Amino acid sequence: MDRKNAASALGRSAKTLSAWARLKIGPTPVKVGGRIFYRWAEIQKFASV
């Protein structure tokens, strides 16, 4: 799922997920063709913490 939808699922902003990625916290992003995506399992795992 893209960053916007992942942020919505976590109740955060896309900028927050971007900052978390730089700090190596939060769900692990996956870069595909220059775009950032998140696996649904990662979103669920992080939300349950």
N, C-alpha and C. Protein backbone atom coordinates (compact mmCIF):
# COMPACT_ATOMS: atom_id res chain seq x y z
N MET A 1 0.85 -1.16 0.00
CA MET A 1 0.00 0.00 0.00
C MET A 1 0.90 1.22 0.00
N ASP A 2 0.41 2.31 -0.59
CA ASP A 2 1.25 3.50 -0.67
C ASP A 2 1.30 4.22 0.68
N ARG A 3 2.19 5.21 0.78
CA ARG A 3 2.43 5.89 2.05
C ARG A 3 1.19 6.60 2.56
N LYS A 4 0.42 7.21 1.67
CA LYS A 4 -0.78 7.94 2.08
C LYS A 4 -1.79 7.00 2.74
N ASN A 5 -2.04 5.86 2.13
CA ASN A 5 -2.98 4.89 2.69
C ASN A 5 -2.44 4.22 3.96
N ALA A 6 -1.15 3.98 4.00
CA ALA A 6 -0.55 3.40 5.20
C ALA A 6 -0.68 4.37 6.37
N ALA A 7 -0.43 5.63 6.10
CA ALA A 7 -0.56 6.65 7.15
C ALA A 7 -1.99 6.73 7.65
N SER A 8 -2.93 6.67 6.75
CA SER A 8 -4.34 6.71 7.12
C SER A 8 -4.71 5.51 7.99
N ALA A 9 -4.20 4.33 7.65
CA ALA A 9 -4.48 3.13 8.41
C ALA A 9 -3.92 3.22 9.83
N LEU A 10 -2.82 3.97 10.00
CA LEU A 10 -2.20 4.11 11.32
C LEU A 10 -2.68 5.36 12.06
N GLY A 11 -3.49 6.18 11.39
CA GLY A 11 -3.96 7.41 12.02
C GLY A 11 -2.87 8.47 12.13
N ARG A 12 -1.94 8.45 11.21
CA ARG A 12 -0.82 9.40 11.17
C ARG A 12 -0.81 10.10 9.82
N SER A 13 0.09 11.06 9.66
CA SER A 13 0.21 11.73 8.38
C SER A 13 1.30 11.04 7.55
N ALA A 14 1.26 11.27 6.25
CA ALA A 14 2.27 10.71 5.36
C ALA A 14 3.65 11.27 5.72
N LYS A 15 3.71 12.53 6.15
CA LYS A 15 4.99 13.13 6.56
C LYS A 15 5.57 12.41 7.77
N THR A 16 4.69 11.97 8.67
CA THR A 16 5.16 11.24 9.86
C THR A 16 5.80 9.92 9.43
N LEU A 17 5.17 9.19 8.52
CA LEU A 17 5.76 7.94 8.05
C LEU A 17 7.09 8.19 7.34
N SER A 18 7.18 9.28 6.62
CA SER A 18 8.43 9.64 5.95
C SER A 18 9.53 9.89 6.99
N ALA A 19 9.20 10.63 8.03
CA ALA A 19 10.18 10.90 9.09
C ALA A 19 10.57 9.62 9.80
N TRP A 20 9.61 8.75 10.08
CA TRP A 20 9.90 7.47 10.73
C TRP A 20 10.85 6.65 9.88
N ALA A 21 10.66 6.66 8.58
CA ALA A 21 11.53 5.89 7.69
C ALA A 21 12.97 6.40 7.77
N ARG A 22 13.13 7.72 7.82
CA ARG A 22 14.48 8.29 7.95
C ARG A 22 15.12 7.90 9.28
N LEU A 23 14.31 7.80 10.33
CA LEU A 23 14.82 7.47 11.67
C LEU A 23 14.88 5.96 11.92
N LYS A 24 14.47 5.17 10.92
CA LYS A 24 14.46 3.70 11.01
C LYS A 24 13.54 3.20 12.13
N ILE A 25 12.39 3.86 12.32
CA ILE A 25 11.37 3.39 13.25
C ILE A 25 10.07 3.23 12.48
N GLY A 26 9.12 2.58 13.07
CA GLY A 26 7.83 2.40 12.40
C GLY A 26 7.88 1.23 11.43
N PRO A 27 6.83 1.09 10.61
CA PRO A 27 6.79 -0.01 9.64
C PRO A 27 7.88 0.15 8.59
N THR A 28 8.41 -0.96 8.13
CA THR A 28 9.50 -0.94 7.16
C THR A 28 8.97 -0.63 5.76
N PRO A 29 9.48 0.45 5.15
CA PRO A 29 9.04 0.78 3.79
C PRO A 29 9.74 -0.08 2.75
N VAL A 30 9.10 -0.23 1.60
CA VAL A 30 9.66 -0.98 0.47
C VAL A 30 9.68 -0.04 -0.73
N LYS A 31 10.84 0.12 -1.33
CA LYS A 31 10.96 1.00 -2.49
C LYS A 31 10.79 0.19 -3.77
N VAL A 32 9.83 0.59 -4.60
CA VAL A 32 9.55 -0.11 -5.85
C VAL A 32 9.51 0.95 -6.96
N GLY A 33 10.46 0.88 -7.85
CA GLY A 33 10.49 1.80 -8.97
C GLY A 33 10.52 3.26 -8.56
N GLY A 34 11.21 3.57 -7.48
CA GLY A 34 11.32 4.95 -7.02
C GLY A 34 10.17 5.41 -6.14
N ARG A 35 9.18 4.55 -5.92
CA ARG A 35 8.05 4.89 -5.05
C ARG A 35 8.13 4.07 -3.78
N ILE A 36 7.54 4.59 -2.72
CA ILE A 36 7.57 3.93 -1.41
C ILE A 36 6.23 3.26 -1.13
N PHE A 37 6.31 2.01 -0.72
CA PHE A 37 5.12 1.24 -0.36
C PHE A 37 5.36 0.56 0.98
N TYR A 38 4.27 0.10 1.59
CA TYR A 38 4.34 -0.63 2.85
C TYR A 38 3.55 -1.91 2.71
N ARG A 39 4.07 -2.98 3.28
CA ARG A 39 3.33 -4.25 3.29
C ARG A 39 2.26 -4.19 4.37
N TRP A 40 1.09 -4.73 4.07
CA TRP A 40 -0.03 -4.70 5.01
C TRP A 40 0.34 -5.38 6.33
N ALA A 41 1.09 -6.46 6.26
CA ALA A 41 1.51 -7.17 7.47
C ALA A 41 2.36 -6.26 8.37
N GLU A 42 3.21 -5.45 7.77
CA GLU A 42 4.03 -4.51 8.54
C GLU A 42 3.17 -3.46 9.23
N ILE A 43 2.17 -2.97 8.53
CA ILE A 43 1.25 -1.98 9.10
C ILE A 43 0.51 -2.59 10.29
N GLN A 44 0.01 -3.79 10.12
CA GLN A 44 -0.73 -4.46 11.19
C GLN A 44 0.17 -4.74 12.38
N LYS A 45 1.39 -5.19 12.12
CA LYS A 45 2.34 -5.50 13.20
C LYS A 45 2.66 -4.24 13.99
N PHE A 46 2.90 -3.15 13.30
CA PHE A 46 3.25 -1.91 13.99
C PHE A 46 2.05 -1.35 14.75
N ALA A 47 0.86 -1.49 14.19
CA ALA A 47 -0.34 -0.96 14.85
C ALA A 47 -0.65 -1.72 16.13
N SER A 48 -0.26 -2.98 16.21
CA SER A 48 -0.57 -3.77 17.40
C SER A 48 0.42 -3.55 18.53
N VAL A 49 1.50 -2.85 18.28
CA VAL A 49 2.53 -2.60 19.31
C VAL A 49 2.08 -1.55 20.27
